[in-house]
């Protein structure tokens, strides 16, 4: 589960083409509990860790908007001190459904099975703030996805297909099936104090998600997404599984 701490404008890089978006001015900041702007929250699930713990495949992210007037997401629920895991998930997945993202291959050229690649094993235990690493991945919007019968109101906004990858390894990027909507570049630090029962691992992550869009962003928030900064990433450790 996570909160989006900020949203900012950005600019694309020309060389190489269709690879990156640089950060710009922040125009939305997560208000936290009791604020007036509301919150963007999310939950990721279905990630399958391969035999190499630095690689994973599959997985989804659901994004939600929580109005300030109905904000019931608290740090206590994140830490697991007063809320059960089921209640924590329920609180993060209420509000307005924005979009569902599916992790996709492309993070390693010529590899169509690895969806997420980290430079370290992110579930390794370590002292507070001393386990640091970077994880990279791509994702696509799942068009037509619903939550409780409601379509994601940002599905068209995030469906940019701007990033080019080379999954077949022929050095030609952006061929049919080789475009992606979202690029993740997560720099993370472990937060041991957030660890909880059931294998929950706490971490804080900076500057992870980038998307290029020309679509108008509908309510509930008048945001033009070009970069998301995630804070408060509480990842549930998954049992390692080999994938063919």
C-alpha atoms as a PDB file:
ATOM      1  CA  UNK A   1       0.000   0.000   0.000  1.00  0.00           C
ATOM      2  CA  UNK A   2       1.209   3.539  -0.605  1.00  0.00           C
ATOM      3  CA  UNK A   3       0.386   7.240  -0.641  1.00  0.00           C
ATOM      4  CA  UNK A   4       1.340   9.537  -3.499  1.00  0.00           C
ATOM      5  CA  UNK A   5       3.176  12.372  -1.789  1.00  0.00           C
ATOM      6  CA  UNK A   6       3.397  14.774  -4.736  1.00  0.00           C
ATOM      7  CA  UNK A   7       2.621  15.292  -8.415  1.00  0.00           C
ATOM      8  CA  UNK A   8       4.723  17.514 -10.629  1.00  0.00           C
ATOM      9  CA  UNK A   9       5.050  18.659 -14.214  1.00  0.00           C
ATOM     10  CA  UNK A  10       8.048  17.564 -16.250  1.00  0.00           C
ATOM     11  CA  UNK A  11       9.837  17.591 -19.587  1.00  0.00           C
ATOM     12  CA  UNK A  12      10.779  14.780 -21.937  1.00  0.00           C
ATOM     13  CA  UNK A  13      14.348  13.993 -22.894  1.00  0.00           C
ATOM     14  CA  UNK A  14      15.078  14.076 -26.629  1.00  0.00           C
ATOM     15  CA  UNK A  15      18.076  11.716 -26.696  1.00  0.00           C
ATOM     16  CA  UNK A  16      17.553   8.840 -26.603  1.00  0.00           C
ATOM     17  CA  UNK A  17      13.895   9.263 -27.629  1.00  0.00           C
ATOM     18  CA  UNK A  18      10.921   7.992 -25.634  1.00  0.00           C
ATOM     19  CA  UNK A  19      12.954   7.001 -22.593  1.00  0.00           C
ATOM     20  CA  UNK A  20      12.573   9.479 -19.761  1.00  0.00           C
ATOM     21  CA  UNK A  21      10.717  12.457 -18.258  1.00  0.00           C
ATOM     22  CA  UNK A  22      12.478  14.926 -15.989  1.00  0.00           C
ATOM     23  CA  UNK A  23      10.861  16.441 -12.914  1.00  0.00           C
ATOM     24  CA  UNK A  24       9.544  20.002 -12.725  1.00  0.00           C
ATOM     25  CA  UNK A  25       7.355  22.112 -10.469  1.00  0.00           C
ATOM     26  CA  UNK A  26       5.219  20.371  -7.852  1.00  0.00           C
ATOM     27  CA  UNK A  27       1.547  21.275  -8.206  1.00  0.00           C
ATOM     28  CA  UNK A  28      -0.066  18.736  -5.869  1.00  0.00           C
ATOM     29  CA  UNK A  29       1.029  17.584  -2.426  1.00  0.00           C
ATOM     30  CA  UNK A  30      -0.616  14.885  -0.360  1.00  0.00           C
ATOM     31  CA  UNK A  31      -2.400  16.665   2.488  1.00  0.00           C
ATOM     32  CA  UNK A  32      -2.184  13.805   4.980  1.00  0.00           C
ATOM     33  CA  UNK A  33      -4.849  13.233   7.612  1.00  0.00           C
ATOM     34  CA  UNK A  34      -7.003  16.260   8.315  1.00  0.00           C
ATOM     35  CA  UNK A  35      -5.870  18.279   5.287  1.00  0.00           C
ATOM     36  CA  UNK A  36      -7.977  19.968   2.650  1.00  0.00           C
ATOM     37  CA  UNK A  37      -6.645  18.709  -0.695  1.00  0.00           C
ATOM     38  CA  UNK A  38      -7.341  14.986  -0.465  1.00  0.00           C
ATOM     39  CA  UNK A  39      -5.039  12.042  -1.129  1.00  0.00           C
ATOM     40  CA  UNK A  40      -3.993   9.740  -3.966  1.00  0.00           C
ATOM     41  CA  UNK A  41      -3.473   6.239  -2.615  1.00  0.00           C
ATOM     42  CA  UNK A  42      -2.821   2.828  -4.072  1.00  0.00           C
ATOM     43  CA  UNK A  43      -2.209  -0.838  -3.526  1.00  0.00           C
ATOM     44  CA  UNK A  44      -0.060  -3.240  -5.510  1.00  0.00           C
ATOM     45  CA  UNK A  45      -0.594  -6.978  -5.668  1.00  0.00           C
ATOM     46  CA  UNK A  46       0.140 -10.116  -7.656  1.00  0.00           C
ATOM     47  CA  UNK A  47       3.887  -9.508  -7.982  1.00  0.00           C
ATOM     48  CA  UNK A  48       5.697 -12.827  -8.419  1.00  0.00           C
ATOM     49  CA  UNK A  49       9.333 -12.928  -7.285  1.00  0.00           C
ATOM     50  CA  UNK A  50      11.506 -15.149  -9.464  1.00  0.00           C
ATOM     51  CA  UNK A  51      14.268 -17.511  -8.373  1.00  0.00           C
ATOM     52  CA  UNK A  52      16.521 -14.445  -8.529  1.00  0.00           C
ATOM     53  CA  UNK A  53      15.083 -12.232  -5.726  1.00  0.00           C
ATOM     54  CA  UNK A  54      16.116  -9.076  -7.594  1.00  0.00           C
ATOM     55  CA  UNK A  55      13.657  -9.876 -10.406  1.00  0.00           C
ATOM     56  CA  UNK A  56       9.890 -10.202 -10.507  1.00  0.00           C
ATOM     57  CA  UNK A  57       7.093 -10.664 -12.997  1.00  0.00           C
ATOM     58  CA  UNK A  58       3.334 -10.049 -13.075  1.00  0.00           C
ATOM     59  CA  UNK A  59       1.651  -7.630 -10.723  1.00  0.00           C
ATOM     60  CA  UNK A  60      -0.868  -4.793 -10.684  1.00  0.00           C
ATOM     61  CA  UNK A  61      -1.335  -1.372  -9.077  1.00  0.00           C
ATOM     62  CA  UNK A  62      -4.758   0.098  -8.291  1.00  0.00           C
ATOM     63  CA  UNK A  63      -4.912   3.878  -7.760  1.00  0.00           C
ATOM     64  CA  UNK A  64      -7.610   5.715  -5.788  1.00  0.00           C
ATOM     65  CA  UNK A  65      -8.600   9.282  -4.915  1.00  0.00           C
ATOM     66  CA  UNK A  66      -9.661  10.033  -1.347  1.00  0.00           C
ATOM     67  CA  UNK A  67     -11.483  13.322  -0.714  1.00  0.00           C
ATOM     68  CA  UNK A  68     -10.337  15.242   2.324  1.00  0.00           C
ATOM     69  CA  UNK A  69     -13.872  15.194   3.734  1.00  0.00           C
ATOM     70  CA  UNK A  70     -13.883  11.390   3.828  1.00  0.00           C
ATOM     71  CA  UNK A  71     -10.178  10.836   4.577  1.00  0.00           C
ATOM     72  CA  UNK A  72      -9.900   7.811   6.865  1.00  0.00           C
ATOM     73  CA  UNK A  73      -6.342   6.728   6.036  1.00  0.00           C
ATOM     74  CA  UNK A  74      -4.126   6.979   9.096  1.00  0.00           C
ATOM     75  CA  UNK A  75      -0.482   6.242   9.917  1.00  0.00           C
ATOM     76  CA  UNK A  76      -1.736   3.805  12.535  1.00  0.00           C
ATOM     77  CA  UNK A  77      -3.266   1.667   9.822  1.00  0.00           C
ATOM     78  CA  UNK A  78       0.010   1.731   7.868  1.00  0.00           C
ATOM     79  CA  UNK A  79       1.989   0.639  10.902  1.00  0.00           C
ATOM     80  CA  UNK A  80      -0.540  -2.079  11.717  1.00  0.00           C
ATOM     81  CA  UNK A  81      -0.800  -0.926  15.327  1.00  0.00           C
ATOM     82  CA  UNK A  82      -4.562  -0.399  15.477  1.00  0.00           C
ATOM     83  CA  UNK A  83      -5.871  -1.774  12.193  1.00  0.00           C
ATOM     84  CA  UNK A  84      -5.890  -5.318  10.948  1.00  0.00           C
ATOM     85  CA  UNK A  85      -4.314  -5.913   7.505  1.00  0.00           C
ATOM     86  CA  UNK A  86      -7.764  -6.436   6.017  1.00  0.00           C
ATOM     87  CA  UNK A  87      -9.018  -3.122   7.392  1.00  0.00           C
ATOM     88  CA  UNK A  88      -5.903  -1.345   6.186  1.00  0.00           C
ATOM     89  CA  UNK A  89      -6.470  -2.625   2.660  1.00  0.00           C
ATOM     90  CA  UNK A  90     -10.124  -1.655   2.801  1.00  0.00           C
ATOM     91  CA  UNK A  91      -9.251   1.884   3.815  1.00  0.00           C
ATOM     92  CA  UNK A  92      -6.703   2.261   1.034  1.00  0.00           C
ATOM     93  CA  UNK A  93      -9.103   0.976  -1.598  1.00  0.00           C
ATOM     94  CA  UNK A  94     -12.112   3.161  -0.921  1.00  0.00           C
ATOM     95  CA  UNK A  95     -12.748   6.531  -2.524  1.00  0.00           C
ATOM     96  CA  UNK A  96     -12.803   7.037  -6.308  1.00  0.00           C
ATOM     97  CA  UNK A  97     -11.138   4.391  -8.469  1.00  0.00           C
ATOM     98  CA  UNK A  98      -8.608   6.095 -10.772  1.00  0.00           C
ATOM     99  CA  UNK A  99      -6.871   3.383 -12.789  1.00  0.00           C
ATOM    100  CA  UNK A 100      -5.368  -0.106 -12.779  1.00  0.00           C
ATOM    101  CA  UNK A 101      -1.788  -0.520 -13.980  1.00  0.00           C
ATOM    102  CA  UNK A 102      -0.299  -3.864 -15.019  1.00  0.00           C
ATOM    103  CA  UNK A 103       3.458  -4.299 -14.741  1.00  0.00           C
ATOM    104  CA  UNK A 104       4.990  -5.153 -18.131  1.00  0.00           C
ATOM    105  CA  UNK A 105       8.292  -6.368 -19.553  1.00  0.00           C
ATOM    106  CA  UNK A 106      10.899  -4.060 -21.029  1.00  0.00           C
ATOM    107  CA  UNK A 107      13.093  -3.184 -18.081  1.00  0.00           C
ATOM    108  CA  UNK A 108      15.815  -5.478 -19.511  1.00  0.00           C
ATOM    109  CA  UNK A 109      16.413  -5.349 -23.278  1.00  0.00           C
ATOM    110  CA  UNK A 110      15.728  -8.695 -24.929  1.00  0.00           C
ATOM    111  CA  UNK A 111      13.931 -10.045 -21.826  1.00  0.00           C
ATOM    112  CA  UNK A 112      10.156 -10.402 -22.085  1.00  0.00           C
ATOM    113  CA  UNK A 113       9.668 -12.212 -18.771  1.00  0.00           C
ATOM    114  CA  UNK A 114      11.205  -9.813 -16.208  1.00  0.00           C
ATOM    115  CA  UNK A 115       8.785  -7.031 -15.255  1.00  0.00           C
ATOM    116  CA  UNK A 116      10.624  -5.513 -12.258  1.00  0.00           C
ATOM    117  CA  UNK A 117      14.405  -5.389 -11.703  1.00  0.00           C
ATOM    118  CA  UNK A 118      16.121  -4.290  -8.487  1.00  0.00           C
ATOM    119  CA  UNK A 119      19.833  -3.939  -7.766  1.00  0.00           C
ATOM    120  CA  UNK A 120      19.356  -5.616  -4.347  1.00  0.00           C
ATOM    121  CA  UNK A 121      16.955  -8.045  -2.689  1.00  0.00           C
ATOM    122  CA  UNK A 122      14.352  -5.576  -1.326  1.00  0.00           C
ATOM    123  CA  UNK A 123      13.108  -7.997   1.348  1.00  0.00           C
ATOM    124  CA  UNK A 124      16.533  -8.322   2.987  1.00  0.00           C
ATOM    125  CA  UNK A 125      16.485  -7.244   6.619  1.00  0.00           C
ATOM    126  CA  UNK A 126      18.761  -4.407   7.672  1.00  0.00           C
ATOM    127  CA  UNK A 127      19.122  -1.506  10.127  1.00  0.00           C
ATOM    128  CA  UNK A 128      16.696   1.399   9.874  1.00  0.00           C
ATOM    129  CA  UNK A 129      17.396   3.444   6.748  1.00  0.00           C
ATOM    130  CA  UNK A 130      20.492   1.476   5.795  1.00  0.00           C
ATOM    131  CA  UNK A 131      19.001  -0.892   3.239  1.00  0.00           C
ATOM    132  CA  UNK A 132      18.942   1.192   0.064  1.00  0.00           C
ATOM    133  CA  UNK A 133      18.390   0.226  -3.529  1.00  0.00           C
ATOM    134  CA  UNK A 134      16.767   1.010  -6.833  1.00  0.00           C
ATOM    135  CA  UNK A 135      14.052  -0.893  -8.678  1.00  0.00           C
ATOM    136  CA  UNK A 136      13.022  -0.200 -12.275  1.00  0.00           C
ATOM    137  CA  UNK A 137       9.973  -1.343 -14.217  1.00  0.00           C
ATOM    138  CA  UNK A 138       7.291  -0.427 -16.747  1.00  0.00           C
ATOM    139  CA  UNK A 139       3.503  -0.699 -16.616  1.00  0.00           C
ATOM    140  CA  UNK A 140       0.495  -0.345 -18.903  1.00  0.00           C
ATOM    141  CA  UNK A 141      -3.001   0.876 -18.100  1.00  0.00           C
ATOM    142  CA  UNK A 142      -5.593  -1.890 -18.020  1.00  0.00           C
ATOM    143  CA  UNK A 143      -8.283  -0.276 -20.167  1.00  0.00           C
ATOM    144  CA  UNK A 144     -11.800  -1.136 -19.101  1.00  0.00           C
ATOM    145  CA  UNK A 145     -10.737  -2.212 -15.602  1.00  0.00           C
ATOM    146  CA  UNK A 146     -13.370  -1.648 -12.923  1.00  0.00           C
ATOM    147  CA  UNK A 147     -13.433  -1.598  -9.133  1.00  0.00           C
ATOM    148  CA  UNK A 148     -16.769  -2.258  -7.466  1.00  0.00           C
ATOM    149  CA  UNK A 149     -18.330  -1.773 -10.881  1.00  0.00           C
ATOM    150  CA  UNK A 150     -16.723   1.621 -11.525  1.00  0.00           C
ATOM    151  CA  UNK A 151     -14.373   2.407 -14.413  1.00  0.00           C
ATOM    152  CA  UNK A 152     -11.093   4.128 -13.559  1.00  0.00           C
ATOM    153  CA  UNK A 153     -11.587   7.847 -14.236  1.00  0.00           C
ATOM    154  CA  UNK A 154      -7.874   8.313 -15.067  1.00  0.00           C
ATOM    155  CA  UNK A 155      -7.502   5.324 -17.391  1.00  0.00           C
ATOM    156  CA  UNK A 156      -7.351   7.495 -20.523  1.00  0.00           C
ATOM    157  CA  UNK A 157      -5.135  10.090 -18.850  1.00  0.00           C
ATOM    158  CA  UNK A 158      -2.438   7.543 -18.014  1.00  0.00           C
ATOM    159  CA  UNK A 159      -2.723   5.626 -21.303  1.00  0.00           C
ATOM    160  CA  UNK A 160       0.151   7.400 -23.061  1.00  0.00           C
ATOM    161  CA  UNK A 161       2.128   4.592 -24.780  1.00  0.00           C
ATOM    162  CA  UNK A 162       5.056   7.017 -24.861  1.00  0.00           C
ATOM    163  CA  UNK A 163       7.888   4.855 -23.536  1.00  0.00           C
ATOM    164  CA  UNK A 164       9.695   2.558 -25.976  1.00  0.00           C
ATOM    165  CA  UNK A 165      11.244  -0.783 -24.997  1.00  0.00           C
ATOM    166  CA  UNK A 166      13.029  -3.607 -26.840  1.00  0.00           C
ATOM    167  CA  UNK A 167      11.679  -6.877 -25.485  1.00  0.00           C
ATOM    168  CA  UNK A 168      12.796  -9.001 -28.471  1.00  0.00           C
ATOM    169  CA  UNK A 169      16.373  -7.748 -28.325  1.00  0.00           C
ATOM    170  CA  UNK A 170      16.703  -6.695 -31.966  1.00  0.00           C
ATOM    171  CA  UNK A 171      17.893  -3.178 -30.946  1.00  0.00           C
ATOM    172  CA  UNK A 172      14.780  -1.610 -32.512  1.00  0.00           C
ATOM    173  CA  UNK A 173      12.728   0.118 -29.808  1.00  0.00           C
ATOM    174  CA  UNK A 174       9.009   0.860 -29.927  1.00  0.00           C
ATOM    175  CA  UNK A 175       7.894  -1.857 -32.329  1.00  0.00           C
ATOM    176  CA  UNK A 176       4.305  -3.164 -32.023  1.00  0.00           C
ATOM    177  CA  UNK A 177       3.867  -4.421 -28.470  1.00  0.00           C
ATOM    178  CA  UNK A 178       6.945  -2.500 -27.316  1.00  0.00           C
ATOM    179  CA  UNK A 179       5.357   0.677 -25.965  1.00  0.00           C
ATOM    180  CA  UNK A 180       4.611   1.312 -22.300  1.00  0.00           C
ATOM    181  CA  UNK A 181       2.450   3.850 -20.454  1.00  0.00           C
ATOM    182  CA  UNK A 182       4.337   4.282 -17.186  1.00  0.00           C
ATOM    183  CA  UNK A 183       8.001   4.089 -16.232  1.00  0.00           C
ATOM    184  CA  UNK A 184       8.997   3.399 -12.622  1.00  0.00           C
ATOM    185  CA  UNK A 185      12.425   4.300 -11.231  1.00  0.00           C
ATOM    186  CA  UNK A 186      12.208   3.691  -7.495  1.00  0.00           C
ATOM    187  CA  UNK A 187      14.977   4.670  -5.104  1.00  0.00           C
ATOM    188  CA  UNK A 188      14.023   3.166  -1.774  1.00  0.00           C
ATOM    189  CA  UNK A 189      15.188   3.028   1.836  1.00  0.00           C
ATOM    190  CA  UNK A 190      13.945   0.437   4.273  1.00  0.00           C
ATOM    191  CA  UNK A 191      11.986   1.690   7.278  1.00  0.00           C
ATOM    192  CA  UNK A 192      12.270  -1.069   9.865  1.00  0.00           C
ATOM    193  CA  UNK A 193       9.980   0.800  12.250  1.00  0.00           C
ATOM    194  CA  UNK A 194       7.138   0.233   9.783  1.00  0.00           C
ATOM    195  CA  UNK A 195       7.655  -3.521   9.572  1.00  0.00           C
ATOM    196  CA  UNK A 196       4.758  -5.527  10.920  1.00  0.00           C
ATOM    197  CA  UNK A 197       3.200  -8.932  11.321  1.00  0.00           C
ATOM    198  CA  UNK A 198       2.738 -11.227   8.363  1.00  0.00           C
ATOM    199  CA  UNK A 199       5.975 -10.286   6.634  1.00  0.00           C
ATOM    200  CA  UNK A 200       5.171  -6.612   6.000  1.00  0.00           C
ATOM    201  CA  UNK A 201       8.268  -4.652   4.980  1.00  0.00           C
ATOM    202  CA  UNK A 202       8.210  -0.853   5.222  1.00  0.00           C
ATOM    203  CA  UNK A 203      10.097   1.453   2.874  1.00  0.00           C
ATOM    204  CA  UNK A 204      10.094   4.999   1.578  1.00  0.00           C
ATOM    205  CA  UNK A 205      10.451   5.492  -2.179  1.00  0.00           C
ATOM    206  CA  UNK A 206      11.241   8.616  -4.178  1.00  0.00           C
ATOM    207  CA  UNK A 207      10.492   9.663  -7.786  1.00  0.00           C
ATOM    208  CA  UNK A 208       9.115   6.385  -9.027  1.00  0.00           C
ATOM    209  CA  UNK A 209       6.434   6.901 -11.677  1.00  0.00           C
ATOM    210  CA  UNK A 210       6.503   8.932 -14.892  1.00  0.00           C
ATOM    211  CA  UNK A 211       3.913   9.257 -17.636  1.00  0.00           C
ATOM    212  CA  UNK A 212       3.399  11.529 -20.644  1.00  0.00           C
ATOM    213  CA  UNK A 213      -0.171  12.530 -21.361  1.00  0.00           C
ATOM    214  CA  UNK A 214      -2.030  15.043 -23.481  1.00  0.00           C
ATOM    215  CA  UNK A 215      -5.438  14.045 -22.154  1.00  0.00           C
ATOM    216  CA  UNK A 216      -7.442  16.283 -19.853  1.00  0.00           C
ATOM    217  CA  UNK A 217      -7.560  15.022 -16.282  1.00  0.00           C
ATOM    218  CA  UNK A 218     -11.130  14.696 -14.988  1.00  0.00           C
ATOM    219  CA  UNK A 219     -12.286  15.284 -11.466  1.00  0.00           C
ATOM    220  CA  UNK A 220     -11.878  14.381  -8.614  1.00  0.00           C
ATOM    221  CA  UNK A 221      -8.548  16.171  -8.934  1.00  0.00           C
ATOM    222  CA  UNK A 222      -7.552  18.697 -11.593  1.00  0.00           C
ATOM    223  CA  UNK A 223      -4.099  17.176 -12.048  1.00  0.00           C
ATOM    224  CA  UNK A 224      -2.003  16.785 -15.191  1.00  0.00           C
ATOM    225  CA  UNK A 225       0.110  13.778 -14.278  1.00  0.00           C
ATOM    226  CA  UNK A 226       3.702  13.850 -15.448  1.00  0.00           C
ATOM    227  CA  UNK A 227       5.383  12.480 -12.345  1.00  0.00           C
ATOM    228  CA  UNK A 228       4.321  10.823  -9.098  1.00  0.00           C
ATOM    229  CA  UNK A 229       6.367  10.781  -5.912  1.00  0.00           C
ATOM    230  CA  UNK A 230       5.418   7.862  -3.686  1.00  0.00           C
ATOM    231  CA  UNK A 231       5.958   8.048   0.040  1.00  0.00           C
ATOM    232  CA  UNK A 232       5.084   5.491   2.638  1.00  0.00           C
ATOM    233  CA  UNK A 233       5.505   2.345   0.613  1.00  0.00           C
ATOM    234  CA  UNK A 234       4.600  -0.639   2.774  1.00  0.00           C
ATOM    235  CA  UNK A 235       5.325  -3.753   0.802  1.00  0.00           C
ATOM    236  CA  UNK A 236       4.118  -7.169   1.857  1.00  0.00           C
ATOM    237  CA  UNK A 237       6.850  -9.707   1.375  1.00  0.00           C
ATOM    238  CA  UNK A 238       5.903 -12.475  -1.024  1.00  0.00           C
ATOM    239  CA  UNK A 239       7.213 -15.998  -1.030  1.00  0.00           C
ATOM    240  CA  UNK A 240       9.763 -16.380  -3.821  1.00  0.00           C
ATOM    241  CA  UNK A 241       8.399 -18.252  -6.800  1.00  0.00           C
ATOM    242  CA  UNK A 242      10.109 -19.385  -9.993  1.00  0.00           C
ATOM    243  CA  UNK A 243       8.515 -18.379 -13.234  1.00  0.00           C
ATOM    244  CA  UNK A 244       9.074 -20.006 -16.596  1.00  0.00           C
END
